């Protein structure tokens, strides 16, 4: 696929992520009780996609492009771990959903999501599609969390809508559009390392953020949402 076609996919998913994030912000603003009752299902579904798709699609492709992609995946996981630790230390807060403990952290997290779209779609359409589905779905919960953090910090609800959109919604397409010109020009071996790094990031997001937060407030039949996310990944893989 040419760069223009790849860019269309990247742009479509990055903007979709922004839209879903915004829907999450608006939903918690308008109907807090419904969102609180169902957000765990969104997180479990996203976790199912974001655990399975890197392991069955992205990581094998990364290894095929570069035998050292495993080291890059480890680096991606460790990077996310320590970056969140630093943010927690700087903000003096203990924990928050997704492991991001301040608005600055949520912004960084969303920006990295945008870069992830650029890397995965540059690797292949199927890799980008699988990673993109999980990332877009988890944007709903992220929008909910960002709005909640701002309100709990004393920001008025109307201002929180605007700030949450700027921090958690808009940063994702910005990250994608900034990264794409650089990622699209990478050699196959360097792209393999970049894809490996993204695999580590995605596994960290799902295993260390989404699943713990969802299981901490486990809902009846939430495991079905998890299995559904895994099945979506398998379905796309087997029908490609």
Protein backbone atom coordinates (compact mmCIF):
# COMPACT_ATOMS: atom_id res chain seq x y z
CA UNK A 1 0.00 0.00 0.00
CA UNK A 2 1.31 3.44 -0.87
CA UNK A 3 1.98 6.15 1.64
CA UNK A 4 -1.20 8.02 0.71
CA UNK A 5 -3.37 4.95 1.30
CA UNK A 6 -1.64 4.23 4.60
CA UNK A 7 -2.07 7.83 5.69
CA UNK A 8 -5.82 7.62 5.05
CA UNK A 9 -6.07 4.61 7.38
CA UNK A 10 -3.94 6.31 10.03
CA UNK A 11 -5.98 9.51 9.82
CA UNK A 12 -9.30 7.62 9.90
CA UNK A 13 -8.44 5.70 13.07
CA UNK A 14 -6.75 8.62 14.80
CA UNK A 15 -9.77 10.84 14.21
CA UNK A 16 -12.11 7.99 15.21
CA UNK A 17 -10.18 7.69 18.47
CA UNK A 18 -10.68 11.40 19.08
CA UNK A 19 -14.40 11.10 18.36
CA UNK A 20 -14.88 8.08 20.65
CA UNK A 21 -12.88 9.82 23.38
CA UNK A 22 -15.14 12.85 23.03
CA UNK A 23 -18.23 10.64 23.22
CA UNK A 24 -16.89 9.21 26.47
CA UNK A 25 -16.41 12.72 27.87
CA UNK A 26 -19.91 13.78 26.85
CA UNK A 27 -21.48 10.53 28.09
CA UNK A 28 -20.05 10.87 31.60
CA UNK A 29 -21.13 14.51 31.62
CA UNK A 30 -24.70 13.67 30.64
CA UNK A 31 -25.26 10.22 32.15
CA UNK A 32 -22.81 9.34 34.89
CA UNK A 33 -24.70 6.33 36.21
CA UNK A 34 -24.90 4.51 32.84
CA UNK A 35 -21.22 5.08 32.11
CA UNK A 36 -20.13 3.86 35.54
CA UNK A 37 -22.21 0.70 35.08
CA UNK A 38 -20.75 -0.20 31.67
CA UNK A 39 -17.21 1.18 31.33
CA UNK A 40 -15.68 -2.10 32.56
CA UNK A 41 -17.13 -3.88 29.52
CA UNK A 42 -15.40 -1.41 27.20
CA UNK A 43 -12.11 -1.91 29.01
CA UNK A 44 -12.35 -5.71 28.96
CA UNK A 45 -13.18 -5.75 25.23
CA UNK A 46 -10.29 -3.39 24.47
CA UNK A 47 -7.95 -5.49 26.63
CA UNK A 48 -8.91 -8.62 24.69
CA UNK A 49 -8.00 -6.96 21.40
CA UNK A 50 -4.85 -5.27 22.69
CA UNK A 51 -3.46 -8.45 24.25
CA UNK A 52 -4.21 -10.79 21.35
CA UNK A 53 -3.47 -8.63 18.32
CA UNK A 54 0.15 -7.76 19.23
CA UNK A 55 0.94 -11.41 20.01
CA UNK A 56 -0.67 -13.05 16.97
CA UNK A 57 -0.10 -10.38 14.31
CA UNK A 58 2.20 -7.49 15.20
CA UNK A 59 4.99 -9.32 17.02
CA UNK A 60 5.50 -12.03 14.37
CA UNK A 61 5.67 -9.29 11.73
CA UNK A 62 8.16 -7.34 13.82
CA UNK A 63 10.40 -10.42 14.20
CA UNK A 64 10.15 -11.08 10.46
CA UNK A 65 11.41 -7.57 9.74
CA UNK A 66 14.07 -7.56 12.49
CA UNK A 67 15.28 -10.46 14.64
CA UNK A 68 15.96 -8.04 17.50
CA UNK A 69 12.35 -6.88 17.71
CA UNK A 70 11.97 -8.78 20.98
CA UNK A 71 14.41 -6.39 22.64
CA UNK A 72 12.40 -3.45 21.27
CA UNK A 73 9.19 -4.96 22.69
CA UNK A 74 10.85 -5.25 26.08
CA UNK A 75 12.02 -1.64 25.77
CA UNK A 76 8.45 -0.51 24.97
CA UNK A 77 7.07 -2.30 28.02
CA UNK A 78 9.79 -0.95 30.32
CA UNK A 79 9.40 2.57 28.87
CA UNK A 80 5.69 2.61 29.70
CA UNK A 81 6.32 1.20 33.17
CA UNK A 82 8.90 3.78 34.17
CA UNK A 83 7.22 6.71 32.44
CA UNK A 84 4.10 6.08 34.50
CA UNK A 85 6.20 5.68 37.65
CA UNK A 86 7.85 9.06 36.99
CA UNK A 87 4.48 10.72 36.41
CA UNK A 88 3.15 9.28 39.67
CA UNK A 89 6.21 10.50 41.53
CA UNK A 90 5.99 14.00 40.04
CA UNK A 91 2.30 14.38 40.77
CA UNK A 92 2.48 12.75 44.23
CA UNK A 93 -0.57 10.63 43.42
CA UNK A 94 -0.83 6.92 44.05
CA UNK A 95 -2.98 5.50 41.28
CA UNK A 96 -5.46 6.26 38.59
CA UNK A 97 -7.16 4.18 35.92
CA UNK A 98 -4.77 3.27 33.07
CA UNK A 99 -1.87 3.90 35.48
CA UNK A 100 -1.65 7.51 34.35
CA UNK A 101 -1.86 9.75 37.36
CA UNK A 102 -2.18 13.24 36.02
CA UNK A 103 -3.55 15.13 33.06
CA UNK A 104 -0.01 15.46 31.70
CA UNK A 105 0.27 11.69 31.80
CA UNK A 106 -3.01 11.17 30.00
CA UNK A 107 -1.82 13.57 27.31
CA UNK A 108 1.43 11.61 26.87
CA UNK A 109 -0.50 8.36 26.77
CA UNK A 110 -2.87 9.68 24.07
CA UNK A 111 0.02 11.10 22.05
CA UNK A 112 1.72 7.69 22.09
CA UNK A 113 -1.56 6.14 20.91
CA UNK A 114 -1.34 8.38 17.85
CA UNK A 115 2.24 7.28 17.16
CA UNK A 116 1.09 3.67 17.51
CA UNK A 117 -1.41 4.13 14.66
CA UNK A 118 1.37 5.47 12.43
CA UNK A 119 3.69 2.54 13.20
CA UNK A 120 1.17 -0.30 13.00
CA UNK A 121 -0.48 0.81 9.75
CA UNK A 122 2.95 1.42 8.22
CA UNK A 123 3.76 -2.22 9.01
CA UNK A 124 0.57 -3.61 7.44
CA UNK A 125 -3.11 -2.87 7.07
CA UNK A 126 -4.09 -5.86 9.25
CA UNK A 127 -1.71 -4.98 12.06
CA UNK A 128 -3.03 -1.44 12.10
CA UNK A 129 -6.63 -2.58 11.97
CA UNK A 130 -6.27 -4.95 14.91
CA UNK A 131 -4.37 -2.51 17.09
CA UNK A 132 -6.64 0.31 16.00
CA UNK A 133 -9.85 -1.43 17.08
CA UNK A 134 -8.58 -1.97 20.61
CA UNK A 135 -7.19 1.53 20.92
CA UNK A 136 -10.35 3.20 19.62
CA UNK A 137 -12.57 1.22 22.00
CA UNK A 138 -10.45 2.06 25.04
CA UNK A 139 -10.67 5.76 24.16
CA UNK A 140 -14.24 5.80 25.52
CA UNK A 141 -13.07 4.84 29.00
CA UNK A 142 -10.11 7.21 28.75
CA UNK A 143 -12.42 10.13 27.98
CA UNK A 144 -14.54 9.20 31.01
CA UNK A 145 -11.49 9.06 33.26
CA UNK A 146 -9.99 12.33 32.03
CA UNK A 147 -13.23 14.21 32.64
CA UNK A 148 -13.58 12.64 36.09
CA UNK A 149 -10.00 13.58 37.06
CA UNK A 150 -10.53 17.21 36.11
CA UNK A 151 -13.82 17.48 37.99
CA UNK A 152 -12.36 15.82 41.09
CA UNK A 153 -9.52 18.33 40.89
CA UNK A 154 -11.95 21.22 41.20
CA UNK A 155 -12.47 22.12 37.53
CA UNK A 156 -16.04 23.02 36.60
CA UNK A 157 -17.85 20.44 34.47
CA UNK A 158 -18.15 22.72 31.43
CA UNK A 159 -14.44 23.59 31.51
CA UNK A 160 -13.60 19.93 32.12
CA UNK A 161 -15.26 18.98 28.83
CA UNK A 162 -12.99 21.36 26.91
CA UNK A 163 -9.81 20.49 28.79
CA UNK A 164 -10.46 16.75 28.55
CA UNK A 165 -10.96 17.02 24.79
CA UNK A 166 -7.71 18.97 24.36
CA UNK A 167 -5.67 16.64 26.58
CA UNK A 168 -7.08 13.19 25.84
CA UNK A 169 -8.87 13.55 22.49
CA UNK A 170 -6.93 15.95 20.31
CA UNK A 171 -3.48 14.64 21.26
CA UNK A 172 -4.06 11.30 19.51
CA UNK A 173 -4.46 12.62 15.93
CA UNK A 174 -1.66 15.11 16.63
CA UNK A 175 0.63 12.22 17.59
CA UNK A 176 -0.38 10.28 14.48
CA UNK A 177 0.11 13.18 12.07
CA UNK A 178 3.42 14.24 13.60
CA UNK A 179 4.84 10.69 13.56
CA UNK A 180 3.60 9.51 10.16
CA UNK A 181 6.09 11.40 7.94
CA UNK A 182 8.98 9.92 9.93
CA UNK A 183 7.56 6.41 10.29
CA UNK A 184 6.58 6.07 6.62
CA UNK A 185 10.19 6.68 5.59
CA UNK A 186 11.73 4.01 7.85
CA UNK A 187 13.57 1.01 6.43
CA UNK A 188 12.07 -2.45 6.97
CA UNK A 189 14.55 -3.29 9.75
CA UNK A 190 13.97 -0.06 11.65
CA UNK A 191 10.22 -0.44 11.21
CA UNK A 192 10.54 -3.92 12.74
CA UNK A 193 12.13 -2.39 15.84
CA UNK A 194 9.46 0.34 15.97
CA UNK A 195 6.71 -2.26 15.66
CA UNK A 196 8.33 -4.34 18.40
CA UNK A 197 8.41 -1.28 20.66
CA UNK A 198 4.71 -0.71 19.99
CA UNK A 199 3.95 -4.35 20.87
CA UNK A 200 5.48 -3.75 24.30
CA UNK A 201 3.44 -0.56 24.71
CA UNK A 202 0.16 -2.26 23.75
CA UNK A 203 0.72 -5.24 26.03
CA UNK A 204 1.54 -2.91 28.90
CA UNK A 205 -1.62 -0.86 28.32
CA UNK A 206 -3.82 -3.94 28.29
CA UNK A 207 -2.19 -6.07 30.99
CA UNK A 208 -1.17 -3.32 33.42
CA UNK A 209 -3.95 -0.77 32.95
CA UNK A 210 -7.13 -2.02 31.34
CA UNK A 211 -7.47 -5.46 32.95
CA UNK A 212 -6.55 -4.46 36.53
CA UNK A 213 -8.94 -1.52 36.44
CA UNK A 214 -11.73 -3.64 34.96
CA UNK A 215 -11.27 -6.53 37.40
CA UNK A 216 -11.07 -4.15 40.36
CA UNK A 217 -14.72 -3.32 39.65
CA UNK A 218 -15.64 -6.59 37.98
CA UNK A 219 -19.06 -6.79 36.41
CA UNK A 220 -21.14 -9.89 35.76
CA UNK A 221 -20.15 -11.51 32.46
CA UNK A 222 -17.31 -9.02 31.86
CA UNK A 223 -15.20 -11.99 30.76
CA UNK A 224 -17.49 -12.27 27.73
CA UNK A 225 -16.35 -8.80 26.65
CA UNK A 226 -12.73 -9.92 27.03
CA UNK A 227 -13.29 -13.07 24.96
CA UNK A 228 -15.19 -11.04 22.36
CA UNK A 229 -12.16 -8.78 21.92
CA UNK A 230 -9.92 -11.81 21.42
CA UNK A 231 -12.38 -13.32 18.94
CA UNK A 232 -12.45 -10.10 16.91
CA UNK A 233 -8.66 -10.28 16.57
CA UNK A 234 -8.78 -13.93 15.53
CA UNK A 235 -11.60 -13.30 13.06
CA UNK A 236 -9.71 -10.50 11.33
CA UNK A 237 -6.53 -12.60 11.25
CA UNK A 238 -8.21 -15.66 9.71
CA UNK A 239 -10.18 -13.65 7.15
CA UNK A 240 -7.32 -11.47 5.91
